[in-house]
Amino acid sequence: MTSKTKEPRLVDFIYEIYQNIGARPAGSREEKLAARQIKSILSQYSTDVKIETFKCIPRRIQHLRNLTCISYAL
């Protein structure tokens, strides 16, 4: 008889990110936390894991632009 070891499953990983971090809008603190957690998990399988960065408009500025455009249209 073989002993069953619990192997990590993708669904467990997704659930953990969802429960511990929650929503991850672009540029948010939660997005950075999720990226670090994903990197730490994938680093167990490869030494070539990197977090890539990209520029995004902060939510506050995007909302301000939206409000300005809507106000102008009205």
PDB file of N, CA and C in Angstrom:
ATOM      1  N   MET A   1       0.850  -1.172   0.000  1.00  0.00           N
ATOM      2  CA  MET A   1       0.000   0.000   0.000  1.00  0.00           C
ATOM      3  C   MET A   1       0.898   1.237   0.000  1.00  0.00           C
ATOM      4  N   THR A   2       0.591   2.180  -0.831  1.00  0.00           N
ATOM      5  CA  THR A   2       1.386   3.409  -0.903  1.00  0.00           C
ATOM      6  C   THR A   2       0.725   4.496  -0.076  1.00  0.00           C
ATOM      7  N   SER A   3       1.554   5.335   0.490  1.00  0.00           N
ATOM      8  CA  SER A   3       0.984   6.446   1.250  1.00  0.00           C
ATOM      9  C   SER A   3       0.660   7.582   0.297  1.00  0.00           C
ATOM     10  N   LYS A   4      -0.459   8.196   0.528  1.00  0.00           N
ATOM     11  CA  LYS A   4      -0.880   9.306  -0.330  1.00  0.00           C
ATOM     12  C   LYS A   4      -0.352  10.608   0.250  1.00  0.00           C
ATOM     13  N   THR A   5       0.424  11.311  -0.544  1.00  0.00           N
ATOM     14  CA  THR A   5       0.887  12.630  -0.119  1.00  0.00           C
ATOM     15  C   THR A   5       0.047  13.662  -0.840  1.00  0.00           C
ATOM     16  N   LYS A   6      -0.219  14.713  -0.147  1.00  0.00           N
ATOM     17  CA  LYS A   6      -1.034  15.756  -0.758  1.00  0.00           C
ATOM     18  C   LYS A   6      -0.152  16.601  -1.666  1.00  0.00           C
ATOM     19  N   GLU A   7      -0.395  16.505  -2.951  1.00  0.00           N
ATOM     20  CA  GLU A   7       0.339  17.298  -3.918  1.00  0.00           C
ATOM     21  C   GLU A   7      -0.385  18.618  -4.119  1.00  0.00           C
ATOM     22  N   PRO A   8       0.388  19.689  -4.342  1.00  0.00           N
ATOM     23  CA  PRO A   8      -0.272  20.972  -4.563  1.00  0.00           C
ATOM     24  C   PRO A   8      -1.107  20.944  -5.838  1.00  0.00           C
ATOM     25  N   ARG A   9      -2.271  21.519  -5.756  1.00  0.00           N
ATOM     26  CA  ARG A   9      -3.153  21.591  -6.918  1.00  0.00           C
ATOM     27  C   ARG A   9      -3.364  23.051  -7.277  1.00  0.00           C
ATOM     28  N   LEU A  10      -3.622  23.309  -8.530  1.00  0.00           N
ATOM     29  CA  LEU A  10      -3.825  24.670  -9.007  1.00  0.00           C
ATOM     30  C   LEU A  10      -5.014  25.328  -8.315  1.00  0.00           C
ATOM     31  N   VAL A  11      -6.060  24.561  -8.099  1.00  0.00           N
ATOM     32  CA  VAL A  11      -7.252  25.130  -7.480  1.00  0.00           C
ATOM     33  C   VAL A  11      -6.962  25.582  -6.042  1.00  0.00           C
ATOM     34  N   ASP A  12      -6.093  24.863  -5.332  1.00  0.00           N
ATOM     35  CA  ASP A  12      -5.705  25.282  -3.978  1.00  0.00           C
ATOM     36  C   ASP A  12      -4.942  26.594  -4.013  1.00  0.00           C
ATOM     37  N   PHE A  13      -4.075  26.715  -5.002  1.00  0.00           N
ATOM     38  CA  PHE A  13      -3.285  27.929  -5.159  1.00  0.00           C
ATOM     39  C   PHE A  13      -4.186  29.133  -5.456  1.00  0.00           C
ATOM     40  N   ILE A  14      -5.133  28.957  -6.365  1.00  0.00           N
ATOM     41  CA  ILE A  14      -6.059  30.039  -6.720  1.00  0.00           C
ATOM     42  C   ILE A  14      -6.892  30.421  -5.507  1.00  0.00           C
ATOM     43  N   TYR A  15      -7.375  29.442  -4.770  1.00  0.00           N
ATOM     44  CA  TYR A  15      -8.173  29.715  -3.581  1.00  0.00           C
ATOM     45  C   TYR A  15      -7.362  30.491  -2.547  1.00  0.00           C
ATOM     46  N   GLU A  16      -6.095  30.115  -2.378  1.00  0.00           N
ATOM     47  CA  GLU A  16      -5.240  30.804  -1.410  1.00  0.00           C
ATOM     48  C   GLU A  16      -5.037  32.273  -1.793  1.00  0.00           C
ATOM     49  N   ILE A  17      -4.781  32.544  -3.067  1.00  0.00           N
ATOM     50  CA  ILE A  17      -4.630  33.928  -3.538  1.00  0.00           C
ATOM     51  C   ILE A  17      -5.934  34.686  -3.309  1.00  0.00           C
ATOM     52  N   TYR A  18      -7.049  34.069  -3.633  1.00  0.00           N
ATOM     53  CA  TYR A  18      -8.357  34.708  -3.488  1.00  0.00           C
ATOM     54  C   TYR A  18      -8.659  35.023  -2.026  1.00  0.00           C
ATOM     55  N   GLN A  19      -8.424  34.069  -1.147  1.00  0.00           N
ATOM     56  CA  GLN A  19      -8.737  34.262   0.271  1.00  0.00           C
ATOM     57  C   GLN A  19      -7.787  35.236   0.960  1.00  0.00           C
ATOM     58  N   ASN A  20      -6.488  35.131   0.696  1.00  0.00           N
ATOM     59  CA  ASN A  20      -5.501  35.920   1.427  1.00  0.00           C
ATOM     60  C   ASN A  20      -5.274  37.308   0.853  1.00  0.00           C
ATOM     61  N   ILE A  21      -5.465  37.475  -0.440  1.00  0.00           N
ATOM     62  CA  ILE A  21      -5.143  38.755  -1.064  1.00  0.00           C
ATOM     63  C   ILE A  21      -6.392  39.461  -1.584  1.00  0.00           C
ATOM     64  N   GLY A  22      -7.298  38.734  -2.184  1.00  0.00           N
ATOM     65  CA  GLY A  22      -8.533  39.344  -2.674  1.00  0.00           C
ATOM     66  C   GLY A  22      -8.365  39.955  -4.059  1.00  0.00           C
ATOM     67  N   ALA A  23      -9.162  40.981  -4.327  1.00  0.00           N
ATOM     68  CA  ALA A  23      -9.134  41.643  -5.638  1.00  0.00           C
ATOM     69  C   ALA A  23      -7.768  42.290  -5.874  1.00  0.00           C
ATOM     70  N   ARG A  24      -7.330  42.256  -7.120  1.00  0.00           N
ATOM     71  CA  ARG A  24      -5.997  42.775  -7.458  1.00  0.00           C
ATOM     72  C   ARG A  24      -6.055  43.725  -8.641  1.00  0.00           C
ATOM     73  N   PRO A  25      -6.605  44.931  -8.461  1.00  0.00           N
ATOM     74  CA  PRO A  25      -6.617  45.885  -9.572  1.00  0.00           C
ATOM     75  C   PRO A  25      -5.185  46.236  -9.995  1.00  0.00           C
ATOM     76  N   ALA A  26      -5.019  46.580 -11.243  1.00  0.00           N
ATOM     77  CA  ALA A  26      -3.687  46.917 -11.765  1.00  0.00           C
ATOM     78  C   ALA A  26      -3.072  48.062 -10.969  1.00  0.00           C
ATOM     79  N   GLY A  27      -1.821  47.876 -10.588  1.00  0.00           N
ATOM     80  CA  GLY A  27      -1.091  48.912  -9.864  1.00  0.00           C
ATOM     81  C   GLY A  27      -1.357  48.950  -8.370  1.00  0.00           C
ATOM     82  N   SER A  28      -2.170  48.053  -7.867  1.00  0.00           N
ATOM     83  CA  SER A  28      -2.527  48.087  -6.446  1.00  0.00           C
ATOM     84  C   SER A  28      -1.506  47.328  -5.592  1.00  0.00           C
ATOM     85  N   ARG A  29      -1.589  47.556  -4.302  1.00  0.00           N
ATOM     86  CA  ARG A  29      -0.728  46.854  -3.349  1.00  0.00           C
ATOM     87  C   ARG A  29      -1.010  45.351  -3.396  1.00  0.00           C
ATOM     88  N   GLU A  30      -2.279  44.997  -3.569  1.00  0.00           N
ATOM     89  CA  GLU A  30      -2.665  43.589  -3.622  1.00  0.00           C
ATOM     90  C   GLU A  30      -2.065  42.886  -4.833  1.00  0.00           C
ATOM     91  N   GLU A  31      -1.951  43.609  -5.949  1.00  0.00           N
ATOM     92  CA  GLU A  31      -1.344  43.017  -7.131  1.00  0.00           C
ATOM     93  C   GLU A  31       0.126  42.685  -6.865  1.00  0.00           C
ATOM     94  N   LYS A  32       0.817  43.577  -6.161  1.00  0.00           N
ATOM     95  CA  LYS A  32       2.221  43.337  -5.831  1.00  0.00           C
ATOM     96  C   LYS A  32       2.363  42.161  -4.872  1.00  0.00           C
ATOM     97  N   LEU A  33       1.459  42.053  -3.903  1.00  0.00           N
ATOM     98  CA  LEU A  33       1.494  40.923  -2.974  1.00  0.00           C
ATOM     99  C   LEU A  33       1.281  39.597  -3.707  1.00  0.00           C
ATOM    100  N   ALA A  34       0.310  39.585  -4.618  1.00  0.00           N
ATOM    101  CA  ALA A  34       0.031  38.370  -5.382  1.00  0.00           C
ATOM    102  C   ALA A  34       1.230  37.996  -6.243  1.00  0.00           C
ATOM    103  N   ALA A  35       1.874  38.984  -6.861  1.00  0.00           N
ATOM    104  CA  ALA A  35       3.048  38.707  -7.699  1.00  0.00           C
ATOM    105  C   ALA A  35       4.172  38.091  -6.875  1.00  0.00           C
ATOM    106  N   ARG A  36       4.397  38.629  -5.683  1.00  0.00           N
ATOM    107  CA  ARG A  36       5.452  38.076  -4.820  1.00  0.00           C
ATOM    108  C   ARG A  36       5.125  36.647  -4.398  1.00  0.00           C
ATOM    109  N   GLN A  37       3.865  36.407  -4.086  1.00  0.00           N
ATOM    110  CA  GLN A  37       3.477  35.066  -3.655  1.00  0.00           C
ATOM    111  C   GLN A  37       3.603  34.064  -4.803  1.00  0.00           C
ATOM    112  N   ILE A  38       3.187  34.463  -5.989  1.00  0.00           N
ATOM    113  CA  ILE A  38       3.310  33.593  -7.154  1.00  0.00           C
ATOM    114  C   ILE A  38       4.779  33.317  -7.439  1.00  0.00           C
ATOM    115  N   LYS A  39       5.619  34.349  -7.334  1.00  0.00           N
ATOM    116  CA  LYS A  39       7.054  34.163  -7.572  1.00  0.00           C
ATOM    117  C   LYS A  39       7.655  33.184  -6.569  1.00  0.00           C
ATOM    118  N   SER A  40       7.266  33.305  -5.307  1.00  0.00           N
ATOM    119  CA  SER A  40       7.826  32.399  -4.304  1.00  0.00           C
ATOM    120  C   SER A  40       7.428  30.949  -4.568  1.00  0.00           C
ATOM    121  N   ILE A  41       6.220  30.727  -5.044  1.00  0.00           N
ATOM    122  CA  ILE A  41       5.771  29.370  -5.336  1.00  0.00           C
ATOM    123  C   ILE A  41       6.487  28.827  -6.575  1.00  0.00           C
ATOM    124  N   LEU A  42       6.563  29.633  -7.631  1.00  0.00           N
ATOM    125  CA  LEU A  42       7.190  29.163  -8.868  1.00  0.00           C
ATOM    126  C   LEU A  42       8.706  29.031  -8.740  1.00  0.00           C
ATOM    127  N   SER A  43       9.314  29.758  -7.815  1.00  0.00           N
ATOM    128  CA  SER A  43      10.757  29.679  -7.602  1.00  0.00           C
ATOM    129  C   SER A  43      11.180  28.303  -7.099  1.00  0.00           C
ATOM    130  N   GLN A  44      10.253  27.544  -6.571  1.00  0.00           N
ATOM    131  CA  GLN A  44      10.554  26.180  -6.138  1.00  0.00           C
ATOM    132  C   GLN A  44      10.839  25.264  -7.327  1.00  0.00           C
ATOM    133  N   TYR A  45      10.347  25.645  -8.510  1.00  0.00           N
ATOM    134  CA  TYR A  45      10.470  24.804  -9.692  1.00  0.00           C
ATOM    135  C   TYR A  45      11.496  25.313 -10.701  1.00  0.00           C
ATOM    136  N   SER A  46      11.859  26.594 -10.590  1.00  0.00           N
ATOM    137  CA  SER A  46      12.807  27.179 -11.540  1.00  0.00           C
ATOM    138  C   SER A  46      13.543  28.343 -10.888  1.00  0.00           C
ATOM    139  N   THR A  47      14.778  28.553 -11.298  1.00  0.00           N
ATOM    140  CA  THR A  47      15.540  29.682 -10.762  1.00  0.00           C
ATOM    141  C   THR A  47      15.374  30.919 -11.630  1.00  0.00           C
ATOM    142  N   ASP A  48      14.700  30.783 -12.749  1.00  0.00           N
ATOM    143  CA  ASP A  48      14.551  31.886 -13.700  1.00  0.00           C
ATOM    144  C   ASP A  48      13.152  32.512 -13.611  1.00  0.00           C
ATOM    145  N   VAL A  49      12.699  32.825 -12.419  1.00  0.00           N
ATOM    146  CA  VAL A  49      11.387  33.432 -12.221  1.00  0.00           C
ATOM    147  C   VAL A  49      11.585  34.917 -11.951  1.00  0.00           C
ATOM    148  N   LYS A  50      10.901  35.733 -12.726  1.00  0.00           N
ATOM    149  CA  LYS A  50      11.024  37.182 -12.583  1.00  0.00           C
ATOM    150  C   LYS A  50       9.646  37.817 -12.496  1.00  0.00           C
ATOM    151  N   ILE A  51       9.591  38.931 -11.817  1.00  0.00           N
ATOM    152  CA  ILE A  51       8.372  39.739 -11.806  1.00  0.00           C
ATOM    153  C   ILE A  51       8.598  40.873 -12.795  1.00  0.00           C
ATOM    154  N   GLU A  52       7.810  40.883 -13.849  1.00  0.00           N
ATOM    155  CA  GLU A  52       7.932  41.936 -14.839  1.00  0.00           C
ATOM    156  C   GLU A  52       7.073  43.120 -14.418  1.00  0.00           C
ATOM    157  N   THR A  53       7.538  44.297 -14.741  1.00  0.00           N
ATOM    158  CA  THR A  53       6.790  45.499 -14.404  1.00  0.00           C
ATOM    159  C   THR A  53       6.252  46.140 -15.674  1.00  0.00           C
ATOM    160  N   PHE A  54       5.229  46.914 -15.508  1.00  0.00           N
ATOM    161  CA  PHE A  54       4.661  47.676 -16.608  1.00  0.00           C
ATOM    162  C   PHE A  54       4.043  48.941 -16.038  1.00  0.00           C
ATOM    163  N   LYS A  55       3.960  49.933 -16.876  1.00  0.00           N
ATOM    164  CA  LYS A  55       3.384  51.197 -16.432  1.00  0.00           C
ATOM    165  C   LYS A  55       1.872  51.114 -16.536  1.00  0.00           C
ATOM    166  N   CYS A  56       1.222  51.629 -15.538  1.00  0.00           N
ATOM    167  CA  CYS A  56      -0.227  51.727 -15.601  1.00  0.00           C
ATOM    168  C   CYS A  56      -0.644  53.022 -14.915  1.00  0.00           C
ATOM    169  N   ILE A  57      -1.780  53.507 -15.307  1.00  0.00           N
ATOM    170  CA  ILE A  57      -2.295  54.739 -14.732  1.00  0.00           C
ATOM    171  C   ILE A  57      -2.936  54.402 -13.391  1.00  0.00           C
ATOM    172  N   PRO A  58      -2.553  55.095 -12.322  1.00  0.00           N
ATOM    173  CA  PRO A  58      -3.194  54.835 -11.029  1.00  0.00           C
ATOM    174  C   PRO A  58      -4.709  55.040 -11.116  1.00  0.00           C
ATOM    175  N   ARG A  59      -5.435  54.284 -10.348  1.00  0.00           N
ATOM    176  CA  ARG A  59      -6.900  54.338 -10.375  1.00  0.00           C
ATOM    177  C   ARG A  59      -7.436  55.743 -10.124  1.00  0.00           C
ATOM    178  N   ARG A  60      -6.823  56.468  -9.204  1.00  0.00           N
ATOM    179  CA  ARG A  60      -7.309  57.817  -8.897  1.00  0.00           C
ATOM    180  C   ARG A  60      -7.255  58.714 -10.124  1.00  0.00           C
ATOM    181  N   ILE A  61      -6.159  58.634 -10.861  1.00  0.00           N
ATOM    182  CA  ILE A  61      -6.023  59.470 -12.056  1.00  0.00           C
ATOM    183  C   ILE A  61      -7.020  59.034 -13.128  1.00  0.00           C
ATOM    184  N   GLN A  62      -7.217  57.730 -13.281  1.00  0.00           N
ATOM    185  CA  GLN A  62      -8.172  57.236 -14.261  1.00  0.00           C
ATOM    186  C   GLN A  62      -9.583  57.710 -13.923  1.00  0.00           C
ATOM    187  N   HIS A  63      -9.959  57.657 -12.643  1.00  0.00           N
ATOM    188  CA  HIS A  63     -11.289  58.130 -12.239  1.00  0.00           C
ATOM    189  C   HIS A  63     -11.418  59.629 -12.467  1.00  0.00           C
ATOM    190  N   LEU A  64     -10.365  60.372 -12.207  1.00  0.00           N
ATOM    191  CA  LEU A  64     -10.389  61.816 -12.436  1.00  0.00           C
ATOM    192  C   LEU A  64     -10.564  62.121 -13.921  1.00  0.00           C
ATOM    193  N   ARG A  65      -9.872  61.382 -14.772  1.00  0.00           N
ATOM    194  CA  ARG A  65     -10.040  61.563 -16.223  1.00  0.00           C
ATOM    195  C   ARG A  65     -11.456  61.237 -16.648  1.00  0.00           C
ATOM    196  N   ASN A  66     -12.005  60.154 -16.128  1.00  0.00           N
ATOM    197  CA  ASN A  66     -13.383  59.778 -16.465  1.00  0.00           C
ATOM    198  C   ASN A  66     -14.356  60.868 -16.036  1.00  0.00           C
ATOM    199  N   LEU A  67     -14.184  61.370 -14.826  1.00  0.00           N
ATOM    200  CA  LEU A  67     -15.066  62.418 -14.326  1.00  0.00           C
ATOM    201  C   LEU A  67     -14.958  63.678 -15.169  1.00  0.00           C
ATOM    202  N   THR A  68     -13.753  64.028 -15.574  1.00  0.00           N
ATOM    203  CA  THR A  68     -13.554  65.214 -16.414  1.00  0.00           C
ATOM    204  C   THR A  68     -14.253  65.048 -17.760  1.00  0.00           C
ATOM    205  N   CYS A  69     -14.109  63.875 -18.379  1.00  0.00           N
ATOM    206  CA  CYS A  69     -14.749  63.639 -19.669  1.00  0.00           C
ATOM    207  C   CYS A  69     -16.268  63.645 -19.549  1.00  0.00           C
ATOM    208  N   ILE A  70     -16.798  63.027 -18.519  1.00  0.00           N
ATOM    209  CA  ILE A  70     -18.257  63.010 -18.332  1.00  0.00           C
ATOM    210  C   ILE A  70     -18.779  64.407 -18.050  1.00  0.00           C
ATOM    211  N   SER A  71     -18.064  65.161 -17.211  1.00  0.00           N
ATOM    212  CA  SER A  71     -18.477  66.531 -16.904  1.00  0.00           C
ATOM    213  C   SER A  71     -18.475  67.385 -18.155  1.00  0.00           C
ATOM    214  N   TYR A  72     -17.468  67.222 -18.997  1.00  0.00           N
ATOM    215  CA  TYR A  72     -17.382  67.997 -20.235  1.00  0.00           C
ATOM    216  C   TYR A  72     -18.538  67.637 -21.157  1.00  0.00           C
ATOM    217  N   ALA A  73     -18.862  66.349 -21.229  1.00  0.00           N
ATOM    218  CA  ALA A  73     -19.946  65.901 -22.110  1.00  0.00           C
ATOM    219  C   ALA A  73     -21.306  66.424 -21.651  1.00  0.00           C
ATOM    220  N   LEU A  74     -21.464  66.540 -20.345  1.00  0.00           N
ATOM    221  CA  LEU A  74     -22.743  67.029 -19.830  1.00  0.00           C
ATOM    222  C   LEU A  74     -22.841  68.523 -20.020  1.00  0.00           C
TER     223      LEU A  74
END
